[in-house]
Amino acid sequence: MNFILFDDPEFKIGLLPLTFTRPVADIRIGIFKISEKWEKYLGVRASFKTENYLSKKFLLHEDENSVYVNGSVCPTPELCIEIDKLENGSALIQNDVLIAYRNEPKNKKIF
């Protein structure tokens, strides 16, 4: 499975100026960055869906089985289980915040 950490525009704006130079998931919380926490839980390398000017440094890799995860959310074992259960075209939403979404490349325009 391919995991992509996306920037939620509402959270990105709230974290300025830190997020001018990096995706939200590249911010450190404690010892690890949010992206490193996800990679540790998932056991795979994640890529980033972020602003165009940041995409040269923070690469995006999409394939047939991509799962988009909100980069401002920290992982938990329970959340990882719920994300793993997502079917193509389904989403995990809490309090009107998109947490995760599984899609196929033909449905790229989800944000």
PDB file of N, CA and C in Angstrom:
ATOM      1  N   MET A   1       0.836  -1.172   0.000  1.00  0.00           N
ATOM      2  CA  MET A   1       0.000   0.000   0.000  1.00  0.00           C
ATOM      3  C   MET A   1       0.889   1.246   0.000  1.00  0.00           C
ATOM      4  N   ASN A   2       0.435   2.275  -0.677  1.00  0.00           N
ATOM      5  CA  ASN A   2       1.160   3.527  -0.817  1.00  0.00           C
ATOM      6  C   ASN A   2       0.493   4.588   0.067  1.00  0.00           C
ATOM      7  N   PHE A   3       1.246   5.189   0.991  1.00  0.00           N
ATOM      8  CA  PHE A   3       0.707   6.205   1.883  1.00  0.00           C
ATOM      9  C   PHE A   3       1.213   7.585   1.509  1.00  0.00           C
ATOM     10  N   ILE A   4       0.274   8.541   1.440  1.00  0.00           N
ATOM     11  CA  ILE A   4       0.575   9.913   1.073  1.00  0.00           C
ATOM     12  C   ILE A   4       0.056  10.818   2.191  1.00  0.00           C
ATOM     13  N   LEU A   5       0.922  11.624   2.755  1.00  0.00           N
ATOM     14  CA  LEU A   5       0.540  12.581   3.787  1.00  0.00           C
ATOM     15  C   LEU A   5       0.200  13.898   3.103  1.00  0.00           C
ATOM     16  N   PHE A   6      -1.050  14.346   3.250  1.00  0.00           N
ATOM     17  CA  PHE A   6      -1.467  15.574   2.572  1.00  0.00           C
ATOM     18  C   PHE A   6      -1.596  16.725   3.563  1.00  0.00           C
ATOM     19  N   ASP A   7      -1.434  17.927   3.043  1.00  0.00           N
ATOM     20  CA  ASP A   7      -1.596  19.140   3.844  1.00  0.00           C
ATOM     21  C   ASP A   7      -3.060  19.557   3.840  1.00  0.00           C
ATOM     22  N   ASP A   8      -3.655  19.634   5.009  1.00  0.00           N
ATOM     23  CA  ASP A   8      -4.995  20.179   5.160  1.00  0.00           C
ATOM     24  C   ASP A   8      -4.835  21.696   5.159  1.00  0.00           C
ATOM     25  N   PRO A   9      -5.418  22.406   4.176  1.00  0.00           N
ATOM     26  CA  PRO A   9      -5.194  23.856   4.066  1.00  0.00           C
ATOM     27  C   PRO A   9      -5.516  24.627   5.347  1.00  0.00           C
ATOM     28  N   GLU A  10      -6.554  24.221   6.063  1.00  0.00           N
ATOM     29  CA  GLU A  10      -6.940  24.927   7.284  1.00  0.00           C
ATOM     30  C   GLU A  10      -5.846  24.835   8.355  1.00  0.00           C
ATOM     31  N   PHE A  11      -5.264  23.656   8.526  1.00  0.00           N
ATOM     32  CA  PHE A  11      -4.207  23.483   9.518  1.00  0.00           C
ATOM     33  C   PHE A  11      -2.904  24.129   9.054  1.00  0.00           C
ATOM     34  N   LYS A  12      -2.638  24.055   7.743  1.00  0.00           N
ATOM     35  CA  LYS A  12      -1.400  24.629   7.206  1.00  0.00           C
ATOM     36  C   LYS A  12      -1.358  26.135   7.460  1.00  0.00           C
ATOM     37  N   ILE A  13      -2.453  26.813   7.227  1.00  0.00           N
ATOM     38  CA  ILE A  13      -2.519  28.263   7.446  1.00  0.00           C
ATOM     39  C   ILE A  13      -2.332  28.585   8.924  1.00  0.00           C
ATOM     40  N   GLY A  14      -2.912  27.773   9.796  1.00  0.00           N
ATOM     41  CA  GLY A  14      -2.802  27.997  11.223  1.00  0.00           C
ATOM     42  C   GLY A  14      -1.395  27.789  11.765  1.00  0.00           C
ATOM     43  N   LEU A  15      -0.543  27.126  11.003  1.00  0.00           N
ATOM     44  CA  LEU A  15       0.818  26.845  11.457  1.00  0.00           C
ATOM     45  C   LEU A  15       1.880  27.703  10.761  1.00  0.00           C
ATOM     46  N   LEU A  16       1.434  28.724  10.047  1.00  0.00           N
ATOM     47  CA  LEU A  16       2.386  29.653   9.437  1.00  0.00           C
ATOM     48  C   LEU A  16       3.132  30.388  10.540  1.00  0.00           C
ATOM     49  N   PRO A  17       4.376  30.718  10.399  1.00  0.00           N
ATOM     50  CA  PRO A  17       5.241  30.627   9.235  1.00  0.00           C
ATOM     51  C   PRO A  17       5.976  29.289   9.102  1.00  0.00           C
ATOM     52  N   LEU A  18       5.788  28.363  10.057  1.00  0.00           N
ATOM     53  CA  LEU A  18       6.501  27.073   9.976  1.00  0.00           C
ATOM     54  C   LEU A  18       6.228  26.337   8.670  1.00  0.00           C
ATOM     55  N   THR A  19       5.008  26.441   8.162  1.00  0.00           N
ATOM     56  CA  THR A  19       4.629  25.656   6.994  1.00  0.00           C
ATOM     57  C   THR A  19       4.895  26.368   5.665  1.00  0.00           C
ATOM     58  N   PHE A  20       5.586  27.497   5.700  1.00  0.00           N
ATOM     59  CA  PHE A  20       6.036  28.110   4.440  1.00  0.00           C
ATOM     60  C   PHE A  20       7.102  27.253   3.786  1.00  0.00           C
ATOM     61  N   THR A  21       7.907  26.564   4.572  1.00  0.00           N
ATOM     62  CA  THR A  21       9.063  25.851   4.039  1.00  0.00           C
ATOM     63  C   THR A  21       8.962  24.334   4.150  1.00  0.00           C
ATOM     64  N   ARG A  22       7.839  23.835   4.608  1.00  0.00           N
ATOM     65  CA  ARG A  22       7.694  22.380   4.781  1.00  0.00           C
ATOM     66  C   ARG A  22       6.220  22.011   4.870  1.00  0.00           C
ATOM     67  N   PRO A  23       5.893  20.749   4.551  1.00  0.00           N
ATOM     68  CA  PRO A  23       4.538  20.269   4.773  1.00  0.00           C
ATOM     69  C   PRO A  23       4.257  20.170   6.277  1.00  0.00           C
ATOM     70  N   VAL A  24       3.000  20.162   6.634  1.00  0.00           N
ATOM     71  CA  VAL A  24       2.622  20.034   8.044  1.00  0.00           C
ATOM     72  C   VAL A  24       3.229  18.763   8.638  1.00  0.00           C
ATOM     73  N   ALA A  25       3.228  17.666   7.896  1.00  0.00           N
ATOM     74  CA  ALA A  25       3.743  16.386   8.401  1.00  0.00           C
ATOM     75  C   ALA A  25       5.250  16.391   8.620  1.00  0.00           C
ATOM     76  N   ASP A  26       5.940  17.429   8.179  1.00  0.00           N
ATOM     77  CA  ASP A  26       7.382  17.511   8.385  1.00  0.00           C
ATOM     78  C   ASP A  26       7.740  18.296   9.647  1.00  0.00           C
ATOM     79  N   ILE A  27       6.737  18.679  10.411  1.00  0.00           N
ATOM     80  CA  ILE A  27       6.971  19.396  11.673  1.00  0.00           C
ATOM     81  C   ILE A  27       7.257  18.376  12.775  1.00  0.00           C
ATOM     82  N   ARG A  28       8.198  18.716  13.634  1.00  0.00           N
ATOM     83  CA  ARG A  28       8.562  17.838  14.753  1.00  0.00           C
ATOM     84  C   ARG A  28       7.600  17.996  15.917  1.00  0.00           C
ATOM     85  N   ILE A  29       7.223  16.849  16.461  1.00  0.00           N
ATOM     86  CA  ILE A  29       6.486  16.807  17.722  1.00  0.00           C
ATOM     87  C   ILE A  29       7.294  15.866  18.603  1.00  0.00           C
ATOM     88  N   GLY A  30       8.064  16.432  19.497  1.00  0.00           N
ATOM     89  CA  GLY A  30       8.980  15.612  20.287  1.00  0.00           C
ATOM     90  C   GLY A  30      10.207  15.280  19.464  1.00  0.00           C
ATOM     91  N   ILE A  31      10.653  14.039  19.556  1.00  0.00           N
ATOM     92  CA  ILE A  31      11.850  13.609  18.842  1.00  0.00           C
ATOM     93  C   ILE A  31      11.588  13.420  17.356  1.00  0.00           C
ATOM     94  N   PHE A  32      10.397  12.942  17.015  1.00  0.00           N
ATOM     95  CA  PHE A  32      10.080  12.594  15.629  1.00  0.00           C
ATOM     96  C   PHE A  32       9.208  13.630  14.939  1.00  0.00           C
ATOM     97  N   LYS A  33       9.355  13.697  13.610  1.00  0.00           N
ATOM     98  CA  LYS A  33       8.430  14.463  12.781  1.00  0.00           C
ATOM     99  C   LYS A  33       7.144  13.644  12.675  1.00  0.00           C
ATOM    100  N   ILE A  34       6.039  14.296  12.347  1.00  0.00           N
ATOM    101  CA  ILE A  34       4.770  13.582  12.181  1.00  0.00           C
ATOM    102  C   ILE A  34       4.928  12.497  11.120  1.00  0.00           C
ATOM    103  N   SER A  35       5.615  12.810  10.029  1.00  0.00           N
ATOM    104  CA  SER A  35       5.823  11.823   8.955  1.00  0.00           C
ATOM    105  C   SER A  35       6.615  10.618   9.457  1.00  0.00           C
ATOM    106  N   GLU A  36       7.611  10.853  10.303  1.00  0.00           N
ATOM    107  CA  GLU A  36       8.404   9.747  10.846  1.00  0.00           C
ATOM    108  C   GLU A  36       7.562   8.871  11.767  1.00  0.00           C
ATOM    109  N   LYS A  37       6.648   9.471  12.500  1.00  0.00           N
ATOM    110  CA  LYS A  37       5.741   8.700  13.359  1.00  0.00           C
ATOM    111  C   LYS A  37       4.868   7.781  12.505  1.00  0.00           C
ATOM    112  N   TRP A  38       4.313   8.325  11.406  1.00  0.00           N
ATOM    113  CA  TRP A  38       3.485   7.510  10.512  1.00  0.00           C
ATOM    114  C   TRP A  38       4.309   6.378   9.902  1.00  0.00           C
ATOM    115  N   GLU A  39       5.499   6.688   9.446  1.00  0.00           N
ATOM    116  CA  GLU A  39       6.348   5.665   8.823  1.00  0.00           C
ATOM    117  C   GLU A  39       6.691   4.556   9.814  1.00  0.00           C
ATOM    118  N   LYS A  40       6.888   4.920  11.055  1.00  0.00           N
ATOM    119  CA  LYS A  40       7.191   3.932  12.090  1.00  0.00           C
ATOM    120  C   LYS A  40       5.989   3.011  12.347  1.00  0.00           C
ATOM    121  N   TYR A  41       4.795   3.601  12.434  1.00  0.00           N
ATOM    122  CA  TYR A  41       3.578   2.814  12.645  1.00  0.00           C
ATOM    123  C   TYR A  41       3.249   1.930  11.455  1.00  0.00           C
ATOM    124  N   LEU A  42       3.418   2.489  10.237  1.00  0.00           N
ATOM    125  CA  LEU A  42       2.998   1.779   9.027  1.00  0.00           C
ATOM    126  C   LEU A  42       4.059   0.839   8.478  1.00  0.00           C
ATOM    127  N   GLY A  43       5.301   1.095   8.803  1.00  0.00           N
ATOM    128  CA  GLY A  43       6.385   0.264   8.297  1.00  0.00           C
ATOM    129  C   GLY A  43       6.699   0.501   6.832  1.00  0.00           C
ATOM    130  N   VAL A  44       6.268   1.639   6.299  1.00  0.00           N
ATOM    131  CA  VAL A  44       6.551   1.999   4.902  1.00  0.00           C
ATOM    132  C   VAL A  44       6.939   3.467   4.825  1.00  0.00           C
ATOM    133  N   ARG A  45       7.557   3.841   3.735  1.00  0.00           N
ATOM    134  CA  ARG A  45       7.942   5.232   3.499  1.00  0.00           C
ATOM    135  C   ARG A  45       6.741   5.977   2.916  1.00  0.00           C
ATOM    136  N   ALA A  46       6.425   7.111   3.481  1.00  0.00           N
ATOM    137  CA  ALA A  46       5.308   7.925   2.995  1.00  0.00           C
ATOM    138  C   ALA A  46       5.822   9.002   2.045  1.00  0.00           C
ATOM    139  N   SER A  47       4.937   9.470   1.164  1.00  0.00           N
ATOM    140  CA  SER A  47       5.270  10.613   0.326  1.00  0.00           C
ATOM    141  C   SER A  47       4.340  11.764   0.713  1.00  0.00           C
ATOM    142  N   PHE A  48       4.490  12.912   0.056  1.00  0.00           N
ATOM    143  CA  PHE A  48       3.790  14.122   0.470  1.00  0.00           C
ATOM    144  C   PHE A  48       2.983  14.728  -0.664  1.00  0.00           C
ATOM    145  N   LYS A  49       1.770  15.167  -0.361  1.00  0.00           N
ATOM    146  CA  LYS A  49       0.974  15.989  -1.282  1.00  0.00           C
ATOM    147  C   LYS A  49       0.919  17.365  -0.632  1.00  0.00           C
ATOM    148  N   THR A  50       1.663  18.293  -1.213  1.00  0.00           N
ATOM    149  CA  THR A  50       1.815  19.608  -0.613  1.00  0.00           C
ATOM    150  C   THR A  50       1.790  20.675  -1.697  1.00  0.00           C
ATOM    151  N   GLU A  51       2.131  21.892  -1.339  1.00  0.00           N
ATOM    152  CA  GLU A  51       2.174  22.995  -2.300  1.00  0.00           C
ATOM    153  C   GLU A  51       3.149  22.685  -3.435  1.00  0.00           C
ATOM    154  N   ASN A  52       2.857  23.197  -4.633  1.00  0.00           N
ATOM    155  CA  ASN A  52       3.709  22.936  -5.798  1.00  0.00           C
ATOM    156  C   ASN A  52       5.157  23.340  -5.565  1.00  0.00           C
ATOM    157  N   TYR A  53       5.391  24.483  -4.935  1.00  0.00           N
ATOM    158  CA  TYR A  53       6.762  24.950  -4.749  1.00  0.00           C
ATOM    159  C   TYR A  53       7.550  24.088  -3.765  1.00  0.00           C
ATOM    160  N   LEU A  54       6.865  23.291  -2.940  1.00  0.00           N
ATOM    161  CA  LEU A  54       7.544  22.384  -2.008  1.00  0.00           C
ATOM    162  C   LEU A  54       7.713  20.974  -2.581  1.00  0.00           C
ATOM    163  N   SER A  55       7.024  20.686  -3.666  1.00  0.00           N
ATOM    164  CA  SER A  55       6.998  19.316  -4.194  1.00  0.00           C
ATOM    165  C   SER A  55       8.321  18.856  -4.799  1.00  0.00           C
ATOM    166  N   LYS A  56       9.245  19.747  -5.037  1.00  0.00           N
ATOM    167  CA  LYS A  56      10.556  19.337  -5.543  1.00  0.00           C
ATOM    168  C   LYS A  56      11.377  18.665  -4.442  1.00  0.00           C
ATOM    169  N   LYS A  57      11.200  19.112  -3.216  1.00  0.00           N
ATOM    170  CA  LYS A  57      11.921  18.518  -2.090  1.00  0.00           C
ATOM    171  C   LYS A  57      11.116  17.404  -1.429  1.00  0.00           C
ATOM    172  N   PHE A  58       9.809  17.587  -1.332  1.00  0.00           N
ATOM    173  CA  PHE A  58       8.918  16.618  -0.679  1.00  0.00           C
ATOM    174  C   PHE A  58       8.122  15.918  -1.774  1.00  0.00           C
ATOM    175  N   LEU A  59       8.616  14.769  -2.177  1.00  0.00           N
ATOM    176  CA  LEU A  59       8.101  14.078  -3.360  1.00  0.00           C
ATOM    177  C   LEU A  59       6.758  13.403  -3.132  1.00  0.00           C
ATOM    178  N   LEU A  60       6.011  13.283  -4.234  1.00  0.00           N
ATOM    179  CA  LEU A  60       4.712  12.616  -4.242  1.00  0.00           C
ATOM    180  C   LEU A  60       4.799  11.382  -5.118  1.00  0.00           C
ATOM    181  N   HIS A  61       4.383  10.252  -4.592  1.00  0.00           N
ATOM    182  CA  HIS A  61       4.319   9.015  -5.369  1.00  0.00           C
ATOM    183  C   HIS A  61       2.905   8.463  -5.248  1.00  0.00           C
ATOM    184  N   GLU A  62       2.174   8.435  -6.378  1.00  0.00           N
ATOM    185  CA  GLU A  62       0.810   7.903  -6.394  1.00  0.00           C
ATOM    186  C   GLU A  62       0.791   6.616  -7.200  1.00  0.00           C
ATOM    187  N   ASP A  63      -0.038   5.670  -6.783  1.00  0.00           N
ATOM    188  CA  ASP A  63      -0.239   4.457  -7.570  1.00  0.00           C
ATOM    189  C   ASP A  63      -1.678   3.984  -7.411  1.00  0.00           C
ATOM    190  N   GLU A  64      -1.970   2.788  -7.893  1.00  0.00           N
ATOM    191  CA  GLU A  64      -3.331   2.247  -7.891  1.00  0.00           C
ATOM    192  C   GLU A  64      -3.916   2.075  -6.498  1.00  0.00           C
ATOM    193  N   ASN A  65      -3.091   1.935  -5.498  1.00  0.00           N
ATOM    194  CA  ASN A  65      -3.570   1.669  -4.147  1.00  0.00           C
ATOM    195  C   ASN A  65      -3.025   2.717  -3.176  1.00  0.00           C
ATOM    196  N   SER A  66      -3.376   3.980  -3.419  1.00  0.00           N
ATOM    197  CA  SER A  66      -2.883   5.067  -2.580  1.00  0.00           C
ATOM    198  C   SER A  66      -3.862   5.383  -1.459  1.00  0.00           C
ATOM    199  N   VAL A  67      -3.309   5.632  -0.282  1.00  0.00           N
ATOM    200  CA  VAL A  67      -4.098   6.085   0.856  1.00  0.00           C
ATOM    201  C   VAL A  67      -3.562   7.444   1.259  1.00  0.00           C
ATOM    202  N   TYR A  68      -4.436   8.453   1.246  1.00  0.00           N
ATOM    203  CA  TYR A  68      -4.070   9.804   1.637  1.00  0.00           C
ATOM    204  C   TYR A  68      -4.403   9.963   3.120  1.00  0.00           C
ATOM    205  N   VAL A  69      -3.434  10.451   3.895  1.00  0.00           N
ATOM    206  CA  VAL A  69      -3.621  10.647   5.333  1.00  0.00           C
ATOM    207  C   VAL A  69      -3.326  12.109   5.654  1.00  0.00           C
ATOM    208  N   ASN A  70      -4.187  12.715   6.450  1.00  0.00           N
ATOM    209  CA  ASN A  70      -4.018  14.106   6.855  1.00  0.00           C
ATOM    210  C   ASN A  70      -2.702  14.246   7.616  1.00  0.00           C
ATOM    211  N   GLY A  71      -1.810  15.065   7.107  1.00  0.00           N
ATOM    212  CA  GLY A  71      -0.481  15.225   7.684  1.00  0.00           C
ATOM    213  C   GLY A  71      -0.461  15.918   9.028  1.00  0.00           C
ATOM    214  N   SER A  72      -1.587  16.477   9.464  1.00  0.00           N
ATOM    215  CA  SER A  72      -1.629  17.130  10.768  1.00  0.00           C
ATOM    216  C   SER A  72      -2.106  16.196  11.871  1.00  0.00           C
ATOM    217  N   VAL A  73      -2.400  14.958  11.519  1.00  0.00           N
ATOM    218  CA  VAL A  73      -2.902  13.979  12.481  1.00  0.00           C
ATOM    219  C   VAL A  73      -1.771  13.031  12.875  1.00  0.00           C
ATOM    220  N   CYS A  74      -1.609  12.809  14.171  1.00  0.00           N
ATOM    221  CA  CYS A  74      -0.608  11.856  14.655  1.00  0.00           C
ATOM    222  C   CYS A  74      -1.214  10.455  14.703  1.00  0.00           C
ATOM    223  N   PRO A  75      -0.421   9.453  14.385  1.00  0.00           N
ATOM    224  CA  PRO A  75      -0.950   8.084  14.334  1.00  0.00           C
ATOM    225  C   PRO A  75      -1.160   7.471  15.717  1.00  0.00           C
ATOM    226  N   THR A  76      -2.115   6.568  15.756  1.00  0.00           N
ATOM    227  CA  THR A  76      -2.337   5.703  16.917  1.00  0.00           C
ATOM    228  C   THR A  76      -2.588   4.304  16.362  1.00  0.00           C
ATOM    229  N   PRO A  77      -2.424   3.276  17.168  1.00  0.00           N
ATOM    230  CA  PRO A  77      -2.707   1.923  16.668  1.00  0.00           C
ATOM    231  C   PRO A  77      -4.148   1.776  16.168  1.00  0.00           C
ATOM    232  N   GLU A  78      -5.100   2.368  16.889  1.00  0.00           N
ATOM    233  CA  GLU A  78      -6.508   2.272  16.493  1.00  0.00           C
ATOM    234  C   GLU A  78      -6.766   2.976  15.164  1.00  0.00           C
ATOM    235  N   LEU A  79      -6.159   4.137  14.983  1.00  0.00           N
ATOM    236  CA  LEU A  79      -6.329   4.878  13.737  1.00  0.00           C
ATOM    237  C   LEU A  79      -5.741   4.105  12.559  1.00  0.00           C
ATOM    238  N   CYS A  80      -4.588   3.505  12.743  1.00  0.00           N
ATOM    239  CA  CYS A  80      -3.962   2.715  11.675  1.00  0.00           C
ATOM    240  C   CYS A  80      -4.849   1.542  11.270  1.00  0.00           C
ATOM    241  N   ILE A  81      -5.504   0.917  12.228  1.00  0.00           N
ATOM    242  CA  ILE A  81      -6.426  -0.189  11.929  1.00  0.00           C
ATOM    243  C   ILE A  81      -7.598   0.312  11.097  1.00  0.00           C
ATOM    244  N   GLU A  82      -8.172   1.452  11.480  1.00  0.00           N
ATOM    245  CA  GLU A  82      -9.307   2.010  10.745  1.00  0.00           C
ATOM    246  C   GLU A  82      -8.907   2.427   9.331  1.00  0.00           C
ATOM    247  N   ILE A  83      -7.741   3.005   9.174  1.00  0.00           N
ATOM    248  CA  ILE A  83      -7.265   3.400   7.848  1.00  0.00           C
ATOM    249  C   ILE A  83      -7.039   2.178   6.982  1.00  0.00           C
ATOM    250  N   ASP A  84      -6.526   1.111   7.565  1.00  0.00           N
ATOM    251  CA  ASP A  84      -6.293  -0.126   6.821  1.00  0.00           C
ATOM    252  C   ASP A  84      -7.596  -0.734   6.312  1.00  0.00           C
ATOM    253  N   LYS A  85      -8.703  -0.471   6.977  1.00  0.00           N
ATOM    254  CA  LYS A  85     -10.019  -1.015   6.586  1.00  0.00           C
ATOM    255  C   LYS A  85     -10.663  -0.241   5.443  1.00  0.00           C
ATOM    256  N   LEU A  86     -10.142   0.949   5.105  1.00  0.00           N
ATOM    257  CA  LEU A  86     -10.762   1.772   4.066  1.00  0.00           C
ATOM    258  C   LEU A  86     -10.775   1.056   2.723  1.00  0.00           C
ATOM    259  N   GLU A  87     -11.909   1.153   2.038  1.00  0.00           N
ATOM    260  CA  GLU A  87     -12.035   0.612   0.689  1.00  0.00           C
ATOM    261  C   GLU A  87     -11.841   1.745  -0.310  1.00  0.00           C
ATOM    262  N   ASN A  88     -11.592   1.403  -1.586  1.00  0.00           N
ATOM    263  CA  ASN A  88     -11.411   2.429  -2.615  1.00  0.00           C
ATOM    264  C   ASN A  88     -12.601   3.377  -2.645  1.00  0.00           C
ATOM    265  N   GLY A  89     -12.295   4.664  -2.656  1.00  0.00           N
ATOM    266  CA  GLY A  89     -13.330   5.689  -2.713  1.00  0.00           C
ATOM    267  C   GLY A  89     -13.944   6.037  -1.373  1.00  0.00           C
ATOM    268  N   SER A  90     -13.493   5.412  -0.292  1.00  0.00           N
ATOM    269  CA  SER A  90     -14.072   5.710   1.018  1.00  0.00           C
ATOM    270  C   SER A  90     -13.145   6.618   1.815  1.00  0.00           C
ATOM    271  N   ALA A  91     -13.728   7.281   2.815  1.00  0.00           N
ATOM    272  CA  ALA A  91     -12.975   8.255   3.607  1.00  0.00           C
ATOM    273  C   ALA A  91     -13.262   8.063   5.084  1.00  0.00           C
ATOM    274  N   LEU A  92     -12.344   8.550   5.875  1.00  0.00           N
ATOM    275  CA  LEU A  92     -12.479   8.566   7.327  1.00  0.00           C
ATOM    276  C   LEU A  92     -12.513  10.039   7.728  1.00  0.00           C
ATOM    277  N   ILE A  93     -13.656  10.460   8.307  1.00  0.00           N
ATOM    278  CA  ILE A  93     -13.869  11.869   8.641  1.00  0.00           C
ATOM    279  C   ILE A  93     -14.291  11.965  10.103  1.00  0.00           C
ATOM    280  N   GLN A  94     -13.747  12.962  10.807  1.00  0.00           N
ATOM    281  CA  GLN A  94     -14.164  13.219  12.175  1.00  0.00           C
ATOM    282  C   GLN A  94     -14.327  14.720  12.361  1.00  0.00           C
ATOM    283  N   ASN A  95     -15.482  15.136  12.876  1.00  0.00           N
ATOM    284  CA  ASN A  95     -15.774  16.555  13.106  1.00  0.00           C
ATOM    285  C   ASN A  95     -15.506  17.403  11.860  1.00  0.00           C
ATOM    286  N   ASP A  96     -15.970  16.939  10.717  1.00  0.00           N
ATOM    287  CA  ASP A  96     -15.803  17.628   9.431  1.00  0.00           C
ATOM    288  C   ASP A  96     -14.349  17.779   8.989  1.00  0.00           C
ATOM    289  N   VAL A  97     -13.438  17.008   9.560  1.00  0.00           N
ATOM    290  CA  VAL A  97     -12.029  17.022   9.154  1.00  0.00           C
ATOM    291  C   VAL A  97     -11.732  15.701   8.458  1.00  0.00           C
ATOM    292  N   LEU A  98     -11.227  15.788   7.234  1.00  0.00           N
ATOM    293  CA  LEU A  98     -10.834  14.596   6.490  1.00  0.00           C
ATOM    294  C   LEU A  98      -9.562  14.024   7.102  1.00  0.00           C
ATOM    295  N   ILE A  99      -9.649  12.808   7.636  1.00  0.00           N
ATOM    296  CA  ILE A  99      -8.505  12.154   8.274  1.00  0.00           C
ATOM    297  C   ILE A  99      -7.745  11.313   7.257  1.00  0.00           C
ATOM    298  N   ALA A 100      -8.470  10.521   6.474  1.00  0.00           N
ATOM    299  CA  ALA A 100      -7.820   9.642   5.494  1.00  0.00           C
ATOM    300  C   ALA A 100      -8.793   9.332   4.370  1.00  0.00           C
ATOM    301  N   TYR A 101      -8.232   9.002   3.204  1.00  0.00           N
ATOM    302  CA  TYR A 101      -9.031   8.704   2.017  1.00  0.00           C
ATOM    303  C   TYR A 101      -8.251   7.724   1.152  1.00  0.00           C
ATOM    304  N   ARG A 102      -8.930   6.687   0.660  1.00  0.00           N
ATOM    305  CA  ARG A 102      -8.282   5.738  -0.260  1.00  0.00           C
ATOM    306  C   ARG A 102      -8.871   5.959  -1.648  1.00  0.00           C
ATOM    307  N   ASN A 103      -7.997   6.079  -2.619  1.00  0.00           N
ATOM    308  CA  ASN A 103      -8.488   6.297  -3.973  1.00  0.00           C
ATOM    309  C   ASN A 103      -7.642   5.590  -5.008  1.00  0.00           C
ATOM    310  N   GLU A 104      -8.086   5.750  -6.235  1.00  0.00           N
ATOM    311  CA  GLU A 104      -7.362   5.271  -7.399  1.00  0.00           C
ATOM    312  C   GLU A 104      -6.890   6.490  -8.180  1.00  0.00           C
ATOM    313  N   PRO A 105      -5.817   6.396  -8.973  1.00  0.00           N
ATOM    314  CA  PRO A 105      -5.301   7.557  -9.702  1.00  0.00           C
ATOM    315  C   PRO A 105      -6.327   8.279 -10.569  1.00  0.00           C
ATOM    316  N   LYS A 106      -7.309   7.574 -11.105  1.00  0.00           N
ATOM    317  CA  LYS A 106      -8.300   8.251 -11.948  1.00  0.00           C
ATOM    318  C   LYS A 106      -9.157   9.224 -11.147  1.00  0.00           C
ATOM    319  N   ASN A 107      -9.179   9.112  -9.823  1.00  0.00           N
ATOM    320  CA  ASN A 107      -9.936  10.013  -8.959  1.00  0.00           C
ATOM    321  C   ASN A 107      -9.015  10.994  -8.239  1.00  0.00           C
ATOM    322  N   LYS A 108      -7.957  11.420  -8.885  1.00  0.00           N
ATOM    323  CA  LYS A 108      -6.919  12.219  -8.229  1.00  0.00           C
ATOM    324  C   LYS A 108      -7.428  13.483  -7.552  1.00  0.00           C
ATOM    325  N   LYS A 109      -8.429  14.138  -8.095  1.00  0.00           N
ATOM    326  CA  LYS A 109      -8.847  15.439  -7.596  1.00  0.00           C
ATOM    327  C   LYS A 109      -9.773  15.290  -6.399  1.00  0.00           C
ATOM    328  N   ILE A 110      -9.211  15.008  -5.222  1.00  0.00           N
ATOM    329  CA  ILE A 110     -10.030  14.856  -4.017  1.00  0.00           C
ATOM    330  C   ILE A 110      -9.974  16.080  -3.120  1.00  0.00           C
ATOM    331  N   PHE A 111      -9.024  16.978  -3.348  1.00  0.00           N
ATOM    332  CA  PHE A 111      -8.887  18.141  -2.464  1.00  0.00           C
ATOM    333  C   PHE A 111      -9.214  19.392  -3.229  1.00  0.00           C
TER     334      PHE A 111
END
